[in-house]
Each structure stands twice: as C-alpha cells, then as structure tokens.
Amino acid sequence: MTTGVILTDRAAKKIREILAAESREGQGLRLKVVGGGCSGLQYKFDLDAERAGDRVFEKEGAKVLVDMKSLLYVNGTELDYKEGLMESGFVFQNPNVKRSCGCGTSFTV
C-alpha cells in the first residue's frame, strides 16, 4: 500500500505562497531524491508542472509532485514547514532514512 507524501497545514500554506509569488498557479512543488551529499542522497525541490508518471499529493490546493523513482525513497514521508529565528525551511520526517549526515541535508536509506 502506498502512503505517499503527507503535507502538514504549514507546508501546504508555504507551497501555495511560493507558487503565488512566482506566478506558478496550477503547478506544484516537485520533490526529487538525487545522489549527493555526505550520506549519498539528498532532497531537491523545483517548481514544475505535472508530468506523465508523476504521483501527485495534494492538500488544500497545494501540490507535491513526485516521480516514481523518488517515491521509493520518500514513501510515507511527512513534509512540514518550520519558521524560526535562525532558519526557516521544509522539514522531512522520512521513515525510510537509516542514517543522515551531521548537517541534516543528506541521508541514506
């Protein structure tokens, strides 16, 4: 059974804000897993339109687009958005991660 990517309310709101600011309404936030970083894999974001073969996860009009290869690594992941005094950004709670680097930007499954 595929759970996909779960968006929190904060993540959905931020995605809608980004798409509106970039005049990209109707598109979504593409989430990819690519090789790189000190642990071997890392997340990559782009603003993009849906493509054939994508899985689309949506909440309140905010779309996250994931290709089937990346879905293998992010299935079951909760995507949140946190704002703080020192940093702000998307935060992943990925149950597939076995190890991540000290800086938190790359991981191993």
C-alpha atoms as a PDB file:
ATOM      1  CA  MET A   1       0.000   0.000   0.000  1.00  0.00           C
ATOM      2  CA  THR A   2       1.378   3.401  -0.976  1.00  0.00           C
ATOM      3  CA  THR A   3       1.019   6.180   1.553  1.00  0.00           C
ATOM      4  CA  GLY A   4       2.890   8.773  -0.425  1.00  0.00           C
ATOM      5  CA  VAL A   5       3.852  12.167   0.947  1.00  0.00           C
ATOM      6  CA  ILE A   6       1.816  13.712   3.761  1.00  0.00           C
ATOM      7  CA  LEU A   7       1.668  17.523   3.851  1.00  0.00           C
ATOM      8  CA  THR A   8       1.130  19.415   7.078  1.00  0.00           C
ATOM      9  CA  ASP A   9      -1.035  22.540   7.079  1.00  0.00           C
ATOM     10  CA  ARG A  10       2.100  24.731   7.359  1.00  0.00           C
ATOM     11  CA  ALA A  11       3.773  23.020   4.380  1.00  0.00           C
ATOM     12  CA  ALA A  12       0.628  23.358   2.251  1.00  0.00           C
ATOM     13  CA  LYS A  13       0.339  27.050   3.115  1.00  0.00           C
ATOM     14  CA  LYS A  14       4.005  27.714   2.255  1.00  0.00           C
ATOM     15  CA  ILE A  15       3.740  25.849  -1.064  1.00  0.00           C
ATOM     16  CA  ARG A  16       0.694  27.937  -2.031  1.00  0.00           C
ATOM     17  CA  GLU A  17       2.573  31.136  -1.061  1.00  0.00           C
ATOM     18  CA  ILE A  18       5.635  30.179  -3.124  1.00  0.00           C
ATOM     19  CA  LEU A  19       3.586  29.278  -6.191  1.00  0.00           C
ATOM     20  CA  ALA A  20       1.577  32.516  -5.963  1.00  0.00           C
ATOM     21  CA  ALA A  21       4.712  34.656  -5.527  1.00  0.00           C
ATOM     22  CA  GLU A  22       6.310  33.032  -8.575  1.00  0.00           C
ATOM     23  CA  SER A  23       3.078  33.279 -10.644  1.00  0.00           C
ATOM     24  CA  ARG A  24       3.057  29.485 -10.982  1.00  0.00           C
ATOM     25  CA  GLU A  25      -0.558  28.778 -10.001  1.00  0.00           C
ATOM     26  CA  GLY A  26      -1.705  25.336 -11.178  1.00  0.00           C
ATOM     27  CA  GLN A  27       1.784  23.913 -10.824  1.00  0.00           C
ATOM     28  CA  GLY A  28       3.325  22.223  -7.829  1.00  0.00           C
ATOM     29  CA  LEU A  29       6.440  21.696  -5.780  1.00  0.00           C
ATOM     30  CA  ARG A  30       8.471  18.861  -7.323  1.00  0.00           C
ATOM     31  CA  LEU A  31      10.224  16.726  -4.706  1.00  0.00           C
ATOM     32  CA  LYS A  32      13.090  14.604  -6.007  1.00  0.00           C
ATOM     33  CA  VAL A  33      15.712  12.450  -4.402  1.00  0.00           C
ATOM     34  CA  VAL A  34      19.090  12.777  -6.112  1.00  0.00           C
ATOM     35  CA  GLY A  35      22.559  11.416  -5.464  1.00  0.00           C
ATOM     36  CA  GLY A  36      24.845  13.671  -3.469  1.00  0.00           C
ATOM     37  CA  GLY A  37      25.752  14.968  -0.063  1.00  0.00           C
ATOM     38  CA  CYS A  38      27.908  13.241   2.508  1.00  0.00           C
ATOM     39  CA  SER A  39      25.422  10.415   3.143  1.00  0.00           C
ATOM     40  CA  GLY A  40      24.691   9.592  -0.502  1.00  0.00           C
ATOM     41  CA  LEU A  41      21.203  11.007  -1.183  1.00  0.00           C
ATOM     42  CA  GLN A  42      19.607  14.419  -0.844  1.00  0.00           C
ATOM     43  CA  TYR A  43      16.277  16.115  -1.468  1.00  0.00           C
ATOM     44  CA  LYS A  44      15.829  18.547  -4.333  1.00  0.00           C
ATOM     45  CA  PHE A  45      12.920  20.959  -4.939  1.00  0.00           C
ATOM     46  CA  ASP A  46      11.720  22.641  -8.120  1.00  0.00           C
ATOM     47  CA  LEU A  47       8.547  24.408  -9.177  1.00  0.00           C
ATOM     48  CA  ASP A  48       7.100  22.359 -12.001  1.00  0.00           C
ATOM     49  CA  ALA A  49       4.026  21.147 -13.872  1.00  0.00           C
ATOM     50  CA  GLU A  50       2.754  17.609 -13.520  1.00  0.00           C
ATOM     51  CA  ARG A  51       4.395  15.077 -15.866  1.00  0.00           C
ATOM     52  CA  ALA A  52       3.293  11.653 -17.067  1.00  0.00           C
ATOM     53  CA  GLY A  53       4.050   9.057 -14.402  1.00  0.00           C
ATOM     54  CA  ASP A  54       4.098  11.523 -11.501  1.00  0.00           C
ATOM     55  CA  ARG A  55       2.306  10.840  -8.256  1.00  0.00           C
ATOM     56  CA  VAL A  56       0.562  13.978  -7.028  1.00  0.00           C
ATOM     57  CA  PHE A  57      -0.063  14.561  -3.321  1.00  0.00           C
ATOM     58  CA  GLU A  58      -2.352  17.471  -2.597  1.00  0.00           C
ATOM     59  CA  LYS A  59      -3.664  19.348   0.408  1.00  0.00           C
ATOM     60  CA  GLU A  60      -5.904  22.408   0.195  1.00  0.00           C
ATOM     61  CA  GLY A  61      -4.725  23.193  -3.337  1.00  0.00           C
ATOM     62  CA  ALA A  62      -1.004  22.718  -2.635  1.00  0.00           C
ATOM     63  CA  LYS A  63       0.533  20.010  -4.807  1.00  0.00           C
ATOM     64  CA  VAL A  64       3.691  17.980  -4.303  1.00  0.00           C
ATOM     65  CA  LEU A  65       4.823  16.162  -7.446  1.00  0.00           C
ATOM     66  CA  VAL A  66       6.972  13.038  -7.070  1.00  0.00           C
ATOM     67  CA  ASP A  67       8.362  10.820  -9.829  1.00  0.00           C
ATOM     68  CA  MET A  68       8.113   7.061  -9.282  1.00  0.00           C
ATOM     69  CA  LYS A  69      11.859   6.593  -8.652  1.00  0.00           C
ATOM     70  CA  SER A  70      11.915   9.256  -5.915  1.00  0.00           C
ATOM     71  CA  LEU A  71       8.727   7.841  -4.387  1.00  0.00           C
ATOM     72  CA  LEU A  72      10.698   4.727  -3.428  1.00  0.00           C
ATOM     73  CA  TYR A  73      12.757   6.910  -1.059  1.00  0.00           C
ATOM     74  CA  VAL A  74      10.047   9.271   0.256  1.00  0.00           C
ATOM     75  CA  ASN A  75       7.027   6.989   0.616  1.00  0.00           C
ATOM     76  CA  GLY A  76       5.437   7.699   3.998  1.00  0.00           C
ATOM     77  CA  THR A  77       7.296  10.994   4.487  1.00  0.00           C
ATOM     78  CA  GLU A  78       5.657  13.910   6.275  1.00  0.00           C
ATOM     79  CA  LEU A  79       6.603  17.279   4.796  1.00  0.00           C
ATOM     80  CA  ASP A  80       6.360  20.194   7.214  1.00  0.00           C
ATOM     81  CA  TYR A  81       7.486  23.819   7.143  1.00  0.00           C
ATOM     82  CA  LYS A  82       9.146  25.428  10.153  1.00  0.00           C
ATOM     83  CA  GLU A  83       9.957  29.077  10.732  1.00  0.00           C
ATOM     84  CA  GLY A  84      12.466  30.086  13.354  1.00  0.00           C
ATOM     85  CA  LEU A  85      14.659  32.957  14.375  1.00  0.00           C
ATOM     86  CA  MET A  86      17.825  31.483  12.844  1.00  0.00           C
ATOM     87  CA  GLU A  87      16.416  29.453   9.937  1.00  0.00           C
ATOM     88  CA  SER A  88      13.260  28.531   8.083  1.00  0.00           C
ATOM     89  CA  GLY A  89      12.537  25.742   5.648  1.00  0.00           C
ATOM     90  CA  PHE A  90      10.858  22.498   4.777  1.00  0.00           C
ATOM     91  CA  VAL A  91      11.423  19.664   7.245  1.00  0.00           C
ATOM     92  CA  PHE A  92      11.154  15.969   6.418  1.00  0.00           C
ATOM     93  CA  GLN A  93      10.045  13.184   8.717  1.00  0.00           C
ATOM     94  CA  ASN A  94      11.069  10.297   6.472  1.00  0.00           C
ATOM     95  CA  PRO A  95      10.578   6.811   7.972  1.00  0.00           C
ATOM     96  CA  ASN A  96      12.856   5.294   5.304  1.00  0.00           C
ATOM     97  CA  VAL A  97      16.010   7.125   6.451  1.00  0.00           C
ATOM     98  CA  LYS A  98      18.528   4.866   8.149  1.00  0.00           C
ATOM     99  CA  ARG A  99      21.255   7.488   8.636  1.00  0.00           C
ATOM    100  CA  SER A 100      21.705  11.184   7.935  1.00  0.00           C
ATOM    101  CA  CYS A 101      24.707  13.469   7.959  1.00  0.00           C
ATOM    102  CA  GLY A 102      25.523  15.909  10.745  1.00  0.00           C
ATOM    103  CA  CYS A 103      24.248  18.915   8.808  1.00  0.00           C
ATOM    104  CA  GLY A 104      20.948  17.146   8.085  1.00  0.00           C
ATOM    105  CA  THR A 105      20.910  17.740   4.331  1.00  0.00           C
ATOM    106  CA  SER A 106      21.698  14.254   3.079  1.00  0.00           C
ATOM    107  CA  PHE A 107      20.637  10.750   4.058  1.00  0.00           C
ATOM    108  CA  THR A 108      20.907   7.013   3.455  1.00  0.00           C
ATOM    109  CA  VAL A 109      18.039   4.535   3.154  1.00  0.00           C
END
